[in-house]
Amino acid sequence: MAQLSDDCFAFGGELMPTAEALDLLAERTATVVSTERVALRQAAGRVLAEDIRADGDVPPHDNSAVDGYAVNFDDLEVHAATSLKVVGRATAGHPFDGTVGSGEAVRIFTGAEMVRGPDTVIMQEDCTQDGETVVISPGIKRGANVRSAGEDIKAGSVILEMNRRLRAQDVGLAASVGRGHLVVYKPLRVAVFSTGDELYDPDRDLPAGGIYDSNRYTLIALLEELGCSVNDLGILEDRFETIRDALDDAARHHDLIVTSGGMSVGEEDHVKAAVEALGSLHFWRLAIKPGRPIGLGQVGAVPFVGLPGNPVAVMVTFMRIARPMILRLGGCSEVTPNVFQVRADFAHKKKTGRREWVRARLVADGDGQPVATKFPRQGAGILSSMVEADGLVELPEDMKQLKAGTIVDFLPFSEVSR
């Protein structure tokens, strides 16, 4: 476990390109959680804190890939059918314990350990059994339908490297080498709150001037998808003392504090002043759209992330800027989402020097190839656009005009919401 420096998020420069910001954040963030040993059934979605090495081969012995007959290839006729005596049977978990001589075969089933002596398995479809005799058609290759010991995993090899989030197939692979428990990082403990006297939780009647608080619920869902343990502090009263005290208490029991909005210099925006009273806060002015400066700082020694207030901006900046940083704090090294190239069916003007993300759906063209279609309303407050879209078309800083038919980078939401 590493400790962040007292002012690791200090930045006072001009507009920063996205790639530079991501590189700088990668340099300044490290794992802040300790480890624990958990049962394999509780390991999915957790971040591995140790390399997993195979103690033995997988499979542990040669075995049959099909139902059929285990034979010695040298007993087979090259151009004619071969008759062999069936002297036993082998099934998965119940190997044949006898010996196989010249001119003999053993009935064998998929997954059964190979019989000592035979080196080839003939599929039952290529054979005819008559009593204790099996007749085998010609044309079989030596070693056919035999899976070798260690074909999947060799003893001593590292099968899973530390700092990866465990998927279902990773858990299965660990089970295949006999690991019933794994050492993983503890979930990142995250406190989330909103501020604003105009905000109300769902299921309440709205008074005049009130709006429902969607950002907090969005952030909680995004964080929980990353495996974080989230504590919802609710909607805080717009008072400096209330926010300061809540931040101070949260820093004593959490690894990270995340909020959105409320950090301008207006007299009713107290988050910025409260964070600075307890630690430090720096606004990273990123050359992006949608999104405004992101507040990164520390409440005592605990990292603080203040995202923009507009619903779309909070989601986009979380997915592209905050998400990789949060994953690193929780011990994960695989933080870069996959981006895919598709054709755009729309034109779009943008400012140079700024990276933009355009909400889009994927549709199939006449050849069945994916094409990105722009959502018609791109305002930073149009949360429904994030529901209707499949992902984001990412336009680089040096682009000024996107022409219809251009190949673009497309980031599916599935790549940044798990």
Protein backbone atom coordinates (compact mmCIF):
# COMPACT_ATOMS: atom_id res chain seq x y z
CA MET A 1 0.00 0.00 0.00
CA ALA A 2 1.33 3.44 -0.95
CA GLN A 3 0.73 6.84 0.63
CA LEU A 4 -0.09 9.80 -1.58
CA SER A 5 2.05 12.89 -1.18
CA ASP A 6 0.52 15.83 0.68
CA ASP A 7 -0.08 17.79 -2.50
CA CYS A 8 -0.05 15.20 -5.26
CA PHE A 9 -2.80 16.93 -7.23
CA ALA A 10 -1.18 20.36 -7.40
CA PHE A 11 -1.51 21.89 -10.85
CA GLY A 12 -1.59 25.53 -11.82
CA GLY A 13 -1.09 25.43 -15.56
CA GLU A 14 -3.19 26.49 -18.51
CA LEU A 15 -5.58 24.27 -20.47
CA MET A 16 -4.18 20.74 -20.47
CA PRO A 17 -4.71 18.10 -23.19
CA THR A 18 -6.51 14.96 -22.02
CA ALA A 19 -3.62 12.58 -22.67
CA GLU A 20 -1.23 14.77 -20.67
CA ALA A 21 -3.67 14.95 -17.76
CA LEU A 22 -4.12 11.17 -17.72
CA ASP A 23 -0.35 10.60 -17.78
CA LEU A 24 0.19 13.07 -14.96
CA LEU A 25 -2.55 11.56 -12.82
CA ALA A 26 -1.08 8.11 -13.41
CA GLU A 27 2.25 9.34 -12.05
CA ARG A 28 0.67 10.84 -8.95
CA THR A 29 -1.78 8.16 -7.86
CA ALA A 30 -1.06 4.81 -6.25
CA THR A 31 -2.84 2.10 -4.30
CA VAL A 32 -4.23 3.39 -0.99
CA VAL A 33 -6.01 0.26 0.30
CA SER A 34 -4.71 -2.78 2.17
CA THR A 35 -5.30 -6.44 1.30
CA GLU A 36 -7.38 -9.33 2.57
CA ARG A 37 -7.78 -13.03 1.84
CA VAL A 38 -11.20 -14.03 0.50
CA ALA A 39 -12.86 -17.24 -0.62
CA LEU A 40 -12.87 -17.75 -4.36
CA ARG A 41 -16.65 -17.34 -4.55
CA GLN A 42 -16.28 -13.79 -3.20
CA ALA A 43 -13.41 -12.84 -5.55
CA ALA A 44 -15.28 -11.78 -8.71
CA GLY A 45 -14.96 -8.04 -9.33
CA ARG A 46 -12.16 -7.67 -6.78
CA VAL A 47 -8.61 -6.55 -7.62
CA LEU A 48 -5.98 -9.28 -7.28
CA ALA A 49 -3.12 -8.43 -4.91
CA GLU A 50 -0.86 -11.40 -5.71
CA ASP A 51 0.39 -13.30 -8.72
CA ILE A 52 -1.35 -16.66 -9.13
CA ARG A 53 1.07 -19.43 -10.10
CA ALA A 54 0.04 -22.95 -11.12
CA ASP A 55 1.37 -25.69 -8.86
CA GLY A 56 0.62 -28.36 -11.45
CA ASP A 57 -0.34 -28.93 -15.07
CA VAL A 58 -3.86 -28.31 -16.35
CA PRO A 59 -5.13 -30.76 -17.37
CA PRO A 60 -3.08 -32.85 -14.93
CA HIS A 61 -2.91 -35.84 -17.27
CA ASP A 62 -3.39 -36.78 -20.91
CA ASN A 63 -7.10 -37.28 -21.57
CA SER A 64 -9.57 -38.02 -24.32
CA ALA A 65 -11.19 -35.15 -26.20
CA VAL A 66 -14.05 -37.33 -27.50
CA ASP A 67 -16.09 -40.45 -26.85
CA GLY A 68 -14.47 -43.35 -28.69
CA TYR A 69 -11.70 -45.93 -28.41
CA ALA A 70 -8.13 -45.58 -27.15
CA VAL A 71 -5.74 -47.46 -29.43
CA ASN A 72 -2.08 -47.82 -30.28
CA PHE A 73 -1.61 -46.10 -33.63
CA ASP A 74 0.92 -48.72 -34.76
CA ASP A 75 -1.82 -51.38 -34.58
CA LEU A 76 -3.88 -49.64 -37.30
CA GLU A 77 -3.91 -50.61 -40.95
CA VAL A 78 -3.06 -47.70 -43.26
CA HIS A 79 -5.44 -48.49 -46.13
CA ALA A 80 -7.93 -50.94 -44.67
CA ALA A 81 -10.19 -51.33 -41.69
CA THR A 82 -8.66 -52.65 -38.47
CA SER A 83 -10.30 -55.00 -35.97
CA LEU A 84 -9.23 -54.73 -32.33
CA LYS A 85 -10.32 -56.49 -29.16
CA VAL A 86 -12.01 -54.23 -26.56
CA VAL A 87 -10.50 -55.08 -23.16
CA GLY A 88 -12.03 -52.45 -20.89
CA ARG A 89 -13.44 -48.94 -20.50
CA ALA A 90 -12.34 -45.60 -19.09
CA THR A 91 -14.63 -42.78 -18.01
CA ALA A 92 -13.97 -39.34 -16.52
CA GLY A 93 -12.83 -39.88 -12.96
CA HIS A 94 -12.59 -43.65 -13.43
CA PRO A 95 -9.45 -44.53 -15.41
CA PHE A 96 -8.73 -47.97 -16.90
CA ASP A 97 -6.30 -49.66 -14.57
CA GLY A 98 -5.19 -52.56 -16.73
CA THR A 99 -2.66 -53.00 -19.51
CA VAL A 100 -3.33 -52.80 -23.23
CA GLY A 101 -1.48 -55.19 -25.49
CA SER A 102 -1.00 -55.32 -29.24
CA GLY A 103 -4.28 -55.61 -31.12
CA GLU A 104 -6.34 -54.33 -28.18
CA ALA A 105 -8.44 -51.20 -27.54
CA VAL A 106 -10.20 -49.56 -24.58
CA ARG A 107 -13.60 -47.89 -24.73
CA ILE A 108 -12.99 -44.32 -23.55
CA PHE A 109 -15.16 -41.28 -22.90
CA THR A 110 -14.57 -37.53 -23.06
CA GLY A 111 -12.36 -36.27 -20.23
CA ALA A 112 -11.20 -39.73 -19.17
CA GLU A 113 -7.51 -40.15 -18.38
CA MET A 114 -5.64 -41.75 -21.26
CA VAL A 115 -4.87 -45.42 -20.97
CA ARG A 116 -1.24 -46.47 -20.52
CA GLY A 117 0.11 -47.59 -23.88
CA PRO A 118 -2.43 -46.22 -26.42
CA ASP A 119 -1.54 -42.89 -28.02
CA THR A 120 -4.58 -42.20 -30.20
CA VAL A 121 -8.36 -41.96 -29.72
CA ILE A 122 -10.75 -42.93 -32.49
CA MET A 123 -14.11 -41.17 -32.45
CA GLN A 124 -16.99 -43.57 -31.94
CA GLU A 125 -18.54 -42.28 -35.19
CA ASP A 126 -15.55 -43.74 -37.06
CA CYS A 127 -15.91 -47.18 -35.45
CA THR A 128 -18.27 -50.14 -35.38
CA GLN A 129 -18.36 -52.30 -32.28
CA ASP A 130 -19.49 -55.90 -32.54
CA GLY A 131 -19.42 -57.60 -29.16
CA GLU A 132 -15.87 -57.47 -27.85
CA THR A 133 -14.47 -56.32 -31.20
CA VAL A 134 -14.28 -52.80 -32.61
CA VAL A 135 -13.74 -52.19 -36.33
CA ILE A 136 -11.89 -48.95 -37.12
CA SER A 137 -11.93 -47.15 -40.46
CA PRO A 138 -8.58 -46.12 -42.00
CA GLY A 139 -7.26 -42.56 -42.31
CA ILE A 140 -6.70 -41.70 -38.62
CA LYS A 141 -3.65 -39.63 -37.59
CA ARG A 142 -1.34 -40.54 -34.75
CA GLY A 143 -2.28 -38.70 -31.52
CA ALA A 144 -5.74 -37.75 -32.76
CA ASN A 145 -8.27 -36.61 -30.14
CA VAL A 146 -5.81 -36.69 -27.25
CA ARG A 147 -5.47 -33.64 -25.00
CA SER A 148 -2.00 -33.50 -23.48
CA ALA A 149 -1.23 -32.81 -19.84
CA GLY A 150 -0.46 -29.11 -19.42
CA GLU A 151 -2.15 -28.25 -22.72
CA ASP A 152 -3.97 -25.37 -20.99
CA ILE A 153 -1.55 -24.46 -18.19
CA LYS A 154 2.01 -25.55 -17.46
CA ALA A 155 3.12 -26.13 -13.89
CA GLY A 156 5.00 -23.13 -12.50
CA SER A 157 3.51 -20.58 -14.89
CA VAL A 158 1.87 -17.34 -13.73
CA ILE A 159 -1.74 -17.57 -14.84
CA LEU A 160 -3.08 -14.34 -13.31
CA GLU A 161 -1.01 -11.26 -12.56
CA MET A 162 -1.68 -9.01 -9.60
CA ASN A 163 -3.47 -5.66 -10.01
CA ARG A 164 -6.15 -7.01 -12.36
CA ARG A 165 -9.89 -6.88 -11.70
CA LEU A 166 -11.13 -10.44 -11.58
CA ARG A 167 -13.74 -11.50 -14.13
CA ALA A 168 -15.73 -14.72 -14.16
CA GLN A 169 -13.16 -16.44 -16.40
CA ASP A 170 -10.33 -15.33 -14.09
CA VAL A 171 -12.10 -16.88 -11.11
CA GLY A 172 -12.60 -20.08 -13.08
CA LEU A 173 -8.93 -20.18 -14.06
CA ALA A 174 -7.90 -19.82 -10.42
CA ALA A 175 -10.21 -22.70 -9.53
CA SER A 176 -8.67 -24.85 -12.28
CA VAL A 177 -5.30 -24.77 -10.47
CA GLY A 178 -6.83 -25.53 -7.09
CA ARG A 179 -6.88 -22.05 -5.54
CA GLY A 180 -9.84 -21.79 -3.17
CA HIS A 181 -8.80 -18.43 -1.68
CA LEU A 182 -7.16 -15.34 -3.16
CA VAL A 183 -5.45 -12.27 -1.73
CA VAL A 184 -7.24 -9.18 -3.04
CA TYR A 185 -7.29 -5.47 -2.28
CA LYS A 186 -10.02 -4.30 0.04
CA PRO A 187 -12.77 -2.29 -1.71
CA LEU A 188 -12.03 1.42 -1.95
CA ARG A 189 -14.22 3.17 0.64
CA VAL A 190 -15.79 6.18 -1.05
CA ALA A 191 -17.94 8.93 0.46
CA VAL A 192 -20.34 10.70 -1.90
CA PHE A 193 -22.49 13.75 -1.19
CA SER A 194 -24.35 16.56 -2.90
CA THR A 195 -24.86 20.16 -1.86
CA GLY A 196 -27.58 22.55 -2.87
CA ASP A 197 -30.76 23.72 -1.15
CA GLU A 198 -32.57 23.20 -4.45
CA LEU A 199 -31.81 19.46 -4.49
CA TYR A 200 -34.22 16.76 -3.34
CA ASP A 201 -34.09 12.98 -3.31
CA PRO A 202 -36.48 11.01 -5.53
CA ASP A 203 -39.87 10.01 -4.07
CA ARG A 204 -40.36 13.45 -2.57
CA ASP A 205 -42.67 16.18 -3.80
CA LEU A 206 -40.75 19.05 -5.36
CA PRO A 207 -41.34 22.53 -4.01
CA ALA A 208 -41.07 25.61 -6.22
CA GLY A 209 -37.48 25.91 -7.49
CA GLY A 210 -36.58 22.38 -6.50
CA ILE A 211 -34.98 19.68 -8.68
CA TYR A 212 -34.25 16.02 -8.13
CA ASP A 213 -30.65 15.09 -7.36
CA SER A 214 -29.61 12.80 -10.23
CA ASN A 215 -25.84 13.29 -10.09
CA ARG A 216 -25.38 11.64 -6.69
CA TYR A 217 -27.25 8.52 -7.78
CA THR A 218 -25.31 8.41 -11.04
CA LEU A 219 -21.98 8.67 -9.22
CA ILE A 220 -22.90 6.01 -6.66
CA ALA A 221 -23.85 3.60 -9.46
CA LEU A 222 -20.64 4.31 -11.39
CA LEU A 223 -18.51 3.79 -8.28
CA GLU A 224 -20.27 0.58 -7.28
CA GLU A 225 -19.75 -0.77 -10.80
CA LEU A 226 -16.02 -0.34 -10.13
CA GLY A 227 -16.30 -2.43 -6.97
CA CYS A 228 -16.11 0.49 -4.54
CA SER A 229 -17.81 0.42 -1.15
CA VAL A 230 -19.87 3.61 -1.29
CA ASN A 231 -21.22 5.57 1.67
CA ASP A 232 -23.99 7.97 0.63
CA LEU A 233 -23.77 11.09 2.81
CA GLY A 234 -26.89 12.51 1.18
CA ILE A 235 -27.61 16.14 0.38
CA LEU A 236 -25.73 18.54 2.64
CA GLU A 237 -27.07 21.90 3.65
CA ASP A 238 -25.46 24.83 1.84
CA ARG A 239 -23.53 26.01 4.88
CA PHE A 240 -19.75 26.17 5.16
CA GLU A 241 -19.70 24.65 8.65
CA THR A 242 -21.97 21.76 7.67
CA ILE A 243 -19.87 20.86 4.62
CA ARG A 244 -16.56 21.30 6.45
CA ASP A 245 -17.63 19.05 9.32
CA ALA A 246 -18.99 16.40 6.94
CA LEU A 247 -15.73 16.41 4.97
CA ASP A 248 -13.66 16.19 8.13
CA ASP A 249 -15.64 13.20 9.37
CA ALA A 250 -15.63 11.50 5.95
CA ALA A 251 -11.85 11.75 5.73
CA ARG A 252 -11.53 9.76 8.97
CA HIS A 253 -13.42 6.75 7.61
CA HIS A 254 -12.93 6.70 3.83
CA ASP A 255 -10.23 6.34 1.17
CA LEU A 256 -11.78 8.82 -1.28
CA ILE A 257 -14.40 11.59 -1.34
CA VAL A 258 -16.34 12.34 -4.54
CA THR A 259 -18.90 15.02 -5.29
CA SER A 260 -20.16 17.09 -8.20
CA GLY A 261 -20.88 20.78 -8.63
CA GLY A 262 -20.86 23.44 -5.92
CA MET A 263 -17.22 24.44 -6.26
CA SER A 264 -17.36 27.81 -7.93
CA VAL A 265 -16.47 31.01 -6.08
CA GLY A 266 -20.07 32.12 -5.53
CA GLU A 267 -21.13 33.02 -2.00
CA GLU A 268 -23.43 29.98 -1.85
CA ASP A 269 -20.80 27.49 -3.08
CA HIS A 270 -18.96 26.30 0.02
CA VAL A 271 -17.35 23.02 -1.07
CA LYS A 272 -14.20 24.67 -2.41
CA ALA A 273 -13.64 26.70 0.76
CA ALA A 274 -14.38 23.71 3.01
CA VAL A 275 -11.90 21.44 1.20
CA GLU A 276 -9.21 24.14 1.34
CA ALA A 277 -9.85 24.67 5.05
CA LEU A 278 -9.03 21.00 5.69
CA GLY A 279 -6.41 20.38 3.02
CA SER A 280 -5.90 21.57 -0.53
CA LEU A 281 -7.84 21.84 -3.78
CA HIS A 282 -6.58 22.43 -7.32
CA PHE A 283 -8.65 22.98 -10.43
CA TRP A 284 -7.39 21.07 -13.44
CA ARG A 285 -8.41 23.07 -16.48
CA LEU A 286 -8.75 20.41 -19.16
CA ALA A 287 -9.23 21.10 -22.86
CA ILE A 288 -12.39 18.98 -23.13
CA LYS A 289 -16.07 19.18 -24.00
CA PRO A 290 -18.33 18.44 -22.20
CA GLY A 291 -16.75 19.26 -18.88
CA ARG A 292 -15.40 22.13 -16.86
CA PRO A 293 -12.37 22.27 -14.59
CA ILE A 294 -12.17 19.22 -12.34
CA GLY A 295 -11.35 19.80 -8.69
CA LEU A 296 -8.68 17.43 -7.40
CA GLY A 297 -7.31 17.71 -3.92
CA GLN A 298 -7.05 16.20 -0.47
CA VAL A 299 -9.00 16.45 2.74
CA GLY A 300 -6.19 15.75 5.14
CA ALA A 301 -4.50 12.79 3.45
CA VAL A 302 -7.66 11.53 1.70
CA PRO A 303 -8.06 12.25 -2.04
CA PHE A 304 -10.98 14.45 -3.08
CA VAL A 305 -12.57 14.54 -6.55
CA GLY A 306 -14.96 17.36 -7.44
CA LEU A 307 -16.66 16.79 -10.80
CA PRO A 308 -18.69 19.27 -12.88
CA GLY A 309 -22.34 19.84 -12.05
CA ASN A 310 -24.03 19.18 -15.40
CA PRO A 311 -25.28 15.56 -15.60
CA VAL A 312 -23.58 14.69 -18.88
CA ALA A 313 -20.36 16.44 -17.93
CA VAL A 314 -20.21 14.58 -14.61
CA MET A 315 -20.57 11.23 -16.38
CA VAL A 316 -18.08 11.95 -19.16
CA THR A 317 -15.41 13.36 -16.84
CA PHE A 318 -15.91 10.44 -14.47
CA MET A 319 -15.57 7.88 -17.25
CA ARG A 320 -12.55 9.44 -18.95
CA ILE A 321 -10.66 11.25 -16.16
CA ALA A 322 -11.75 10.11 -12.69
CA ARG A 323 -12.31 6.42 -13.44
CA PRO A 324 -8.67 5.46 -14.20
CA MET A 325 -7.48 7.39 -11.15
CA ILE A 326 -10.05 5.68 -8.90
CA LEU A 327 -9.11 2.25 -10.24
CA ARG A 328 -5.45 2.90 -9.45
CA LEU A 329 -6.30 4.01 -5.92
CA GLY A 330 -8.03 0.64 -5.51
CA GLY A 331 -5.02 -1.35 -6.72
CA CYS A 332 -5.94 -1.90 -10.38
CA SER A 333 -3.40 -1.47 -13.18
CA GLU A 334 -5.72 -2.17 -16.14
CA VAL A 335 -7.38 1.24 -16.38
CA THR A 336 -7.41 2.13 -20.08
CA PRO A 337 -10.70 1.31 -21.83
CA ASN A 338 -10.79 -0.18 -25.30
CA VAL A 339 -11.72 2.23 -28.08
CA PHE A 340 -13.01 0.93 -31.42
CA GLN A 341 -12.94 2.49 -34.87
CA VAL A 342 -16.25 2.96 -36.66
CA ARG A 343 -17.57 5.16 -39.45
CA ALA A 344 -19.46 8.33 -38.50
CA ASP A 345 -22.56 9.18 -40.53
CA PHE A 346 -22.64 12.82 -39.36
CA ALA A 347 -20.71 16.07 -39.77
CA HIS A 348 -19.56 18.03 -36.75
CA LYS A 349 -17.71 21.31 -36.16
CA LYS A 350 -15.46 21.76 -33.15
CA LYS A 351 -12.75 24.01 -31.79
CA THR A 352 -9.18 22.93 -32.33
CA GLY A 353 -7.07 22.32 -29.25
CA ARG A 354 -9.97 20.67 -27.44
CA ARG A 355 -10.98 17.02 -27.21
CA GLU A 356 -14.70 16.46 -27.61
CA TRP A 357 -16.96 13.52 -26.89
CA VAL A 358 -20.11 13.24 -28.97
CA ARG A 359 -22.92 10.98 -27.78
CA ALA A 360 -23.83 8.47 -30.48
CA ARG A 361 -25.65 5.24 -31.22
CA LEU A 362 -24.32 2.40 -33.32
CA VAL A 363 -26.46 1.23 -36.24
CA ALA A 364 -25.68 -1.27 -38.98
CA ASP A 365 -25.19 0.00 -42.52
CA GLY A 366 -26.23 -1.89 -45.64
CA ASP A 367 -23.20 -4.18 -45.32
CA GLY A 368 -23.88 -4.89 -41.66
CA GLN A 369 -20.96 -2.71 -40.50
CA PRO A 370 -21.36 -0.48 -37.42
CA VAL A 371 -21.94 3.22 -38.06
CA ALA A 372 -22.04 5.96 -35.40
CA THR A 373 -25.16 8.13 -35.46
CA LYS A 374 -25.09 11.39 -33.49
CA PHE A 375 -27.71 11.97 -30.82
CA PRO A 376 -29.56 15.13 -31.93
CA ARG A 377 -29.35 16.99 -28.58
CA GLN A 378 -25.80 17.35 -27.25
CA GLY A 379 -26.28 19.76 -24.34
CA ALA A 380 -24.38 19.01 -21.12
CA GLY A 381 -27.67 18.90 -19.22
CA ILE A 382 -29.38 16.34 -21.49
CA LEU A 383 -29.01 13.22 -19.33
CA SER A 384 -31.45 11.33 -21.58
CA SER A 385 -28.78 11.47 -24.29
CA MET A 386 -26.58 9.18 -22.18
CA VAL A 387 -29.45 6.71 -21.97
CA GLU A 388 -30.23 6.77 -25.68
CA ALA A 389 -26.58 6.60 -26.77
CA ASP A 390 -24.38 3.48 -26.93
CA GLY A 391 -21.19 5.39 -26.26
CA LEU A 392 -19.02 8.36 -27.14
CA VAL A 393 -17.37 9.35 -30.40
CA GLU A 394 -14.02 10.80 -29.35
CA LEU A 395 -12.75 13.66 -31.52
CA PRO A 396 -9.06 14.61 -31.10
CA GLU A 397 -7.69 18.05 -30.29
CA ASP A 398 -6.33 18.72 -33.78
CA MET A 399 -9.66 18.12 -35.55
CA LYS A 400 -11.68 21.15 -36.63
CA GLN A 401 -14.30 19.62 -38.92
CA LEU A 402 -15.61 16.07 -38.88
CA LYS A 403 -16.95 15.03 -42.27
CA ALA A 404 -19.61 12.37 -42.64
CA GLY A 405 -18.03 9.05 -43.59
CA THR A 406 -14.85 9.63 -41.55
CA ILE A 407 -13.50 6.77 -39.45
CA VAL A 408 -13.61 7.83 -35.77
CA ASP A 409 -12.77 6.42 -32.36
CA PHE A 410 -15.82 5.10 -30.50
CA LEU A 411 -15.85 4.40 -26.77
CA PRO A 412 -18.73 2.05 -25.81
CA PHE A 413 -20.29 2.72 -22.42
CA SER A 414 -19.74 -0.98 -21.68
CA GLU A 415 -15.99 -0.25 -21.56
CA VAL A 416 -16.28 2.41 -18.83
CA SER A 417 -19.18 1.20 -16.71
CA ARG A 418 -17.83 -1.97 -15.16
